[in-house]
Amino acid sequence: MRNIAFFLLVGCLALGISCSRDTETPQSSRTEPVSSTPTDADNTARNDQKAPEGLASADTALDQGETEEDIRITSSIRKSVVSDKSLSTNAHNIKIITAAGKVTLRGPVKSEHEKSKLEGYAKLTRGVDRVDNMLEVEQNP
């Protein structure tokens, strides 16, 4: 009988299940606040912004083309960006959106040098017709 109880206890612990009834705190007596809205990621607010003055629209990840060529272009640019270890974390995480050969780059970068380097990667990729560089240089890097 003790062996069965031991294996049940070990099994519960392995699965992360509480085997005791009085360890759970009822929902109504929790002290930490429960938020119904998720918090934004680091640069989510920037991604929701309208297009800068003079541009018709701002492409978002939802505008990514689904053709093999658009996916190949985005993947090729991403590989170039990720393999460049001199870039900042923000630069490694920029949004790259390709639709019908037009590439849009969005997100924060540390410097003008990073901004132009990333645009260069996009322009050098086979199949790219146009690059909209909407990268923003951080004011206080």
C-alpha atoms as a PDB file:
ATOM      1  CA  MET A   1       0.000   0.000   0.000  1.00  0.00           C
ATOM      2  CA  ARG A   2       2.870   2.392   0.817  1.00  0.00           C
ATOM      3  CA  ASN A   3       4.407   1.729  -2.597  1.00  0.00           C
ATOM      4  CA  ILE A   4       1.199   2.762  -4.342  1.00  0.00           C
ATOM      5  CA  ALA A   5       0.970   5.985  -2.316  1.00  0.00           C
ATOM      6  CA  PHE A   6       4.649   6.709  -3.047  1.00  0.00           C
ATOM      7  CA  PHE A   7       4.204   6.211  -6.804  1.00  0.00           C
ATOM      8  CA  LEU A   8       1.061   8.369  -6.808  1.00  0.00           C
ATOM      9  CA  LEU A   9       2.946  11.137  -5.013  1.00  0.00           C
ATOM     10  CA  VAL A  10       5.904  10.907  -7.404  1.00  0.00           C
ATOM     11  CA  GLY A  11       3.548  10.850 -10.382  1.00  0.00           C
ATOM     12  CA  CYS A  12       1.693  13.927  -9.148  1.00  0.00           C
ATOM     13  CA  LEU A  13       4.944  15.802  -8.566  1.00  0.00           C
ATOM     14  CA  ALA A  14       6.260  14.825 -12.004  1.00  0.00           C
ATOM     15  CA  LEU A  15       3.116  16.159 -13.626  1.00  0.00           C
ATOM     16  CA  GLY A  16       3.086  19.281 -11.495  1.00  0.00           C
ATOM     17  CA  ILE A  17      -0.266  18.380  -9.982  1.00  0.00           C
ATOM     18  CA  SER A  18      -0.984  19.227  -6.397  1.00  0.00           C
ATOM     19  CA  CYS A  19      -2.013  16.136  -4.459  1.00  0.00           C
ATOM     20  CA  SER A  20      -3.280  18.162  -1.509  1.00  0.00           C
ATOM     21  CA  ARG A  21      -6.742  19.694  -1.542  1.00  0.00           C
ATOM     22  CA  ASP A  22      -5.954  22.648   0.688  1.00  0.00           C
ATOM     23  CA  THR A  23      -2.927  23.995  -1.273  1.00  0.00           C
ATOM     24  CA  GLU A  24      -5.011  25.736  -3.916  1.00  0.00           C
ATOM     25  CA  THR A  25      -6.088  29.279  -3.221  1.00  0.00           C
ATOM     26  CA  PRO A  26      -9.609  30.037  -4.368  1.00  0.00           C
ATOM     27  CA  GLN A  27      -9.839  32.477  -7.291  1.00  0.00           C
ATOM     28  CA  SER A  28     -11.681  35.071  -5.186  1.00  0.00           C
ATOM     29  CA  SER A  29      -9.021  35.237  -2.448  1.00  0.00           C
ATOM     30  CA  ARG A  30      -5.972  35.804  -4.643  1.00  0.00           C
ATOM     31  CA  THR A  31      -4.051  38.938  -3.768  1.00  0.00           C
ATOM     32  CA  GLU A  32      -2.300  39.642  -7.093  1.00  0.00           C
ATOM     33  CA  PRO A  33      -4.272  41.671  -9.640  1.00  0.00           C
ATOM     34  CA  VAL A  34      -5.599  39.800 -12.629  1.00  0.00           C
ATOM     35  CA  SER A  35      -5.416  41.729 -15.890  1.00  0.00           C
ATOM     36  CA  SER A  36      -7.817  41.007 -18.712  1.00  0.00           C
ATOM     37  CA  THR A  37      -5.593  42.663 -21.330  1.00  0.00           C
ATOM     38  CA  PRO A  38      -2.179  41.301 -22.250  1.00  0.00           C
ATOM     39  CA  THR A  39       0.819  43.588 -21.962  1.00  0.00           C
ATOM     40  CA  ASP A  40       2.456  44.832 -25.151  1.00  0.00           C
ATOM     41  CA  ALA A  41       5.752  43.443 -26.360  1.00  0.00           C
ATOM     42  CA  ASP A  42       8.768  45.728 -26.546  1.00  0.00           C
ATOM     43  CA  ASN A  43       8.005  47.367 -29.892  1.00  0.00           C
ATOM     44  CA  THR A  44       4.348  46.527 -30.400  1.00  0.00           C
ATOM     45  CA  ALA A  45       3.300  50.171 -30.192  1.00  0.00           C
ATOM     46  CA  ARG A  46       5.652  51.028 -33.023  1.00  0.00           C
ATOM     47  CA  ASN A  47       4.208  48.276 -35.176  1.00  0.00           C
ATOM     48  CA  ASP A  48       0.664  49.625 -34.693  1.00  0.00           C
ATOM     49  CA  GLN A  49       1.566  53.117 -35.860  1.00  0.00           C
ATOM     50  CA  LYS A  50       0.088  54.613 -39.000  1.00  0.00           C
ATOM     51  CA  ALA A  51       2.308  55.122 -42.024  1.00  0.00           C
ATOM     52  CA  PRO A  52       4.709  58.047 -41.844  1.00  0.00           C
ATOM     53  CA  GLU A  53       3.566  61.193 -43.618  1.00  0.00           C
ATOM     54  CA  GLY A  54       3.909  60.845 -47.374  1.00  0.00           C
ATOM     55  CA  LEU A  55       3.452  57.062 -47.467  1.00  0.00           C
ATOM     56  CA  ALA A  56       0.120  55.546 -48.441  1.00  0.00           C
ATOM     57  CA  SER A  57       0.110  52.687 -45.923  1.00  0.00           C
ATOM     58  CA  ALA A  58       2.319  50.842 -43.494  1.00  0.00           C
ATOM     59  CA  ASP A  59       2.764  47.143 -44.174  1.00  0.00           C
ATOM     60  CA  THR A  60       2.432  44.820 -41.209  1.00  0.00           C
ATOM     61  CA  ALA A  61       3.185  41.116 -40.780  1.00  0.00           C
ATOM     62  CA  LEU A  62      -0.346  40.418 -42.004  1.00  0.00           C
ATOM     63  CA  ASP A  63       0.674  41.818 -45.402  1.00  0.00           C
ATOM     64  CA  GLN A  64       3.392  39.190 -45.920  1.00  0.00           C
ATOM     65  CA  GLY A  65       3.003  37.599 -49.335  1.00  0.00           C
ATOM     66  CA  GLU A  66       2.304  33.899 -49.450  1.00  0.00           C
ATOM     67  CA  THR A  67       3.979  33.108 -52.752  1.00  0.00           C
ATOM     68  CA  GLU A  68       7.094  30.925 -52.743  1.00  0.00           C
ATOM     69  CA  GLU A  69       9.138  33.866 -54.051  1.00  0.00           C
ATOM     70  CA  ASP A  70       7.993  36.290 -51.319  1.00  0.00           C
ATOM     71  CA  ILE A  71       8.666  33.692 -48.630  1.00  0.00           C
ATOM     72  CA  ARG A  72      12.102  32.956 -50.127  1.00  0.00           C
ATOM     73  CA  ILE A  73      12.991  36.674 -50.187  1.00  0.00           C
ATOM     74  CA  THR A  74      11.943  37.208 -46.565  1.00  0.00           C
ATOM     75  CA  SER A  75      13.807  34.071 -45.474  1.00  0.00           C
ATOM     76  CA  SER A  76      16.968  35.097 -47.336  1.00  0.00           C
ATOM     77  CA  ILE A  77      16.997  38.577 -45.780  1.00  0.00           C
ATOM     78  CA  ARG A  78      16.311  37.112 -42.321  1.00  0.00           C
ATOM     79  CA  LYS A  79      19.272  34.715 -42.704  1.00  0.00           C
ATOM     80  CA  SER A  80      21.568  37.633 -43.591  1.00  0.00           C
ATOM     81  CA  VAL A  81      20.344  39.654 -40.616  1.00  0.00           C
ATOM     82  CA  VAL A  82      20.626  36.805 -38.105  1.00  0.00           C
ATOM     83  CA  SER A  83      24.105  35.799 -39.279  1.00  0.00           C
ATOM     84  CA  ASP A  84      25.448  39.355 -38.756  1.00  0.00           C
ATOM     85  CA  LYS A  85      26.594  39.207 -35.129  1.00  0.00           C
ATOM     86  CA  SER A  86      27.586  42.898 -35.157  1.00  0.00           C
ATOM     87  CA  LEU A  87      23.911  43.942 -35.150  1.00  0.00           C
ATOM     88  CA  SER A  88      22.013  44.786 -31.959  1.00  0.00           C
ATOM     89  CA  THR A  89      19.264  42.572 -30.563  1.00  0.00           C
ATOM     90  CA  ASN A  90      16.640  45.026 -31.832  1.00  0.00           C
ATOM     91  CA  ALA A  91      18.143  44.901 -35.328  1.00  0.00           C
ATOM     92  CA  HIS A  92      18.045  41.098 -35.259  1.00  0.00           C
ATOM     93  CA  ASN A  93      14.324  41.320 -34.450  1.00  0.00           C
ATOM     94  CA  ILE A  94      13.140  43.739 -37.116  1.00  0.00           C
ATOM     95  CA  LYS A  95      10.004  42.951 -39.091  1.00  0.00           C
ATOM     96  CA  ILE A  96      10.663  41.913 -42.679  1.00  0.00           C
ATOM     97  CA  ILE A  97       7.548  41.928 -44.851  1.00  0.00           C
ATOM     98  CA  THR A  98       7.646  40.955 -48.518  1.00  0.00           C
ATOM     99  CA  ALA A  99       4.725  41.237 -50.920  1.00  0.00           C
ATOM    100  CA  ALA A 100       5.072  40.999 -54.705  1.00  0.00           C
ATOM    101  CA  GLY A 101       8.806  41.740 -54.525  1.00  0.00           C
ATOM    102  CA  LYS A 102       8.404  44.838 -52.334  1.00  0.00           C
ATOM    103  CA  VAL A 103      10.187  44.541 -48.981  1.00  0.00           C
ATOM    104  CA  THR A 104       9.189  46.611 -45.950  1.00  0.00           C
ATOM    105  CA  LEU A 105      11.555  46.829 -42.987  1.00  0.00           C
ATOM    106  CA  ARG A 106      10.053  47.927 -39.651  1.00  0.00           C
ATOM    107  CA  GLY A 107      11.193  48.226 -36.058  1.00  0.00           C
ATOM    108  CA  PRO A 108      13.759  49.946 -33.864  1.00  0.00           C
ATOM    109  CA  VAL A 109      17.519  49.884 -34.494  1.00  0.00           C
ATOM    110  CA  LYS A 110      20.446  51.334 -32.531  1.00  0.00           C
ATOM    111  CA  SER A 111      22.047  53.493 -35.227  1.00  0.00           C
ATOM    112  CA  GLU A 112      21.873  54.921 -38.745  1.00  0.00           C
ATOM    113  CA  HIS A 113      24.622  52.447 -39.639  1.00  0.00           C
ATOM    114  CA  GLU A 114      22.390  49.502 -38.668  1.00  0.00           C
ATOM    115  CA  LYS A 115      19.476  51.024 -40.562  1.00  0.00           C
ATOM    116  CA  SER A 116      21.462  51.334 -43.791  1.00  0.00           C
ATOM    117  CA  LYS A 117      23.133  47.929 -43.322  1.00  0.00           C
ATOM    118  CA  LEU A 118      19.738  46.221 -43.014  1.00  0.00           C
ATOM    119  CA  GLU A 119      18.431  48.062 -46.066  1.00  0.00           C
ATOM    120  CA  GLY A 120      21.525  46.886 -47.949  1.00  0.00           C
ATOM    121  CA  TYR A 121      20.799  43.254 -47.085  1.00  0.00           C
ATOM    122  CA  ALA A 122      17.294  43.664 -48.502  1.00  0.00           C
ATOM    123  CA  LYS A 123      18.446  45.437 -51.683  1.00  0.00           C
ATOM    124  CA  LEU A 124      21.088  42.789 -52.394  1.00  0.00           C
ATOM    125  CA  THR A 125      18.555  39.942 -52.220  1.00  0.00           C
ATOM    126  CA  ARG A 126      17.594  38.429 -55.567  1.00  0.00           C
ATOM    127  CA  GLY A 127      13.994  39.168 -56.549  1.00  0.00           C
ATOM    128  CA  VAL A 128      13.598  42.399 -54.554  1.00  0.00           C
ATOM    129  CA  ASP A 129      12.072  45.188 -56.664  1.00  0.00           C
ATOM    130  CA  ARG A 130      11.744  47.864 -53.995  1.00  0.00           C
ATOM    131  CA  VAL A 131      12.640  48.402 -50.321  1.00  0.00           C
ATOM    132  CA  ASP A 132      10.597  50.596 -47.969  1.00  0.00           C
ATOM    133  CA  ASN A 133      12.932  51.260 -45.053  1.00  0.00           C
ATOM    134  CA  MET A 134      10.686  52.224 -42.143  1.00  0.00           C
ATOM    135  CA  LEU A 135      13.295  51.339 -39.491  1.00  0.00           C
ATOM    136  CA  GLU A 136      13.517  53.826 -36.629  1.00  0.00           C
ATOM    137  CA  VAL A 137      16.795  54.808 -35.006  1.00  0.00           C
ATOM    138  CA  GLU A 138      16.466  54.870 -31.228  1.00  0.00           C
ATOM    139  CA  GLN A 139      16.920  58.322 -29.753  1.00  0.00           C
ATOM    140  CA  ASN A 140      18.574  57.043 -26.541  1.00  0.00           C
ATOM    141  CA  PRO A 141      20.420  53.835 -27.440  1.00  0.00           C
END
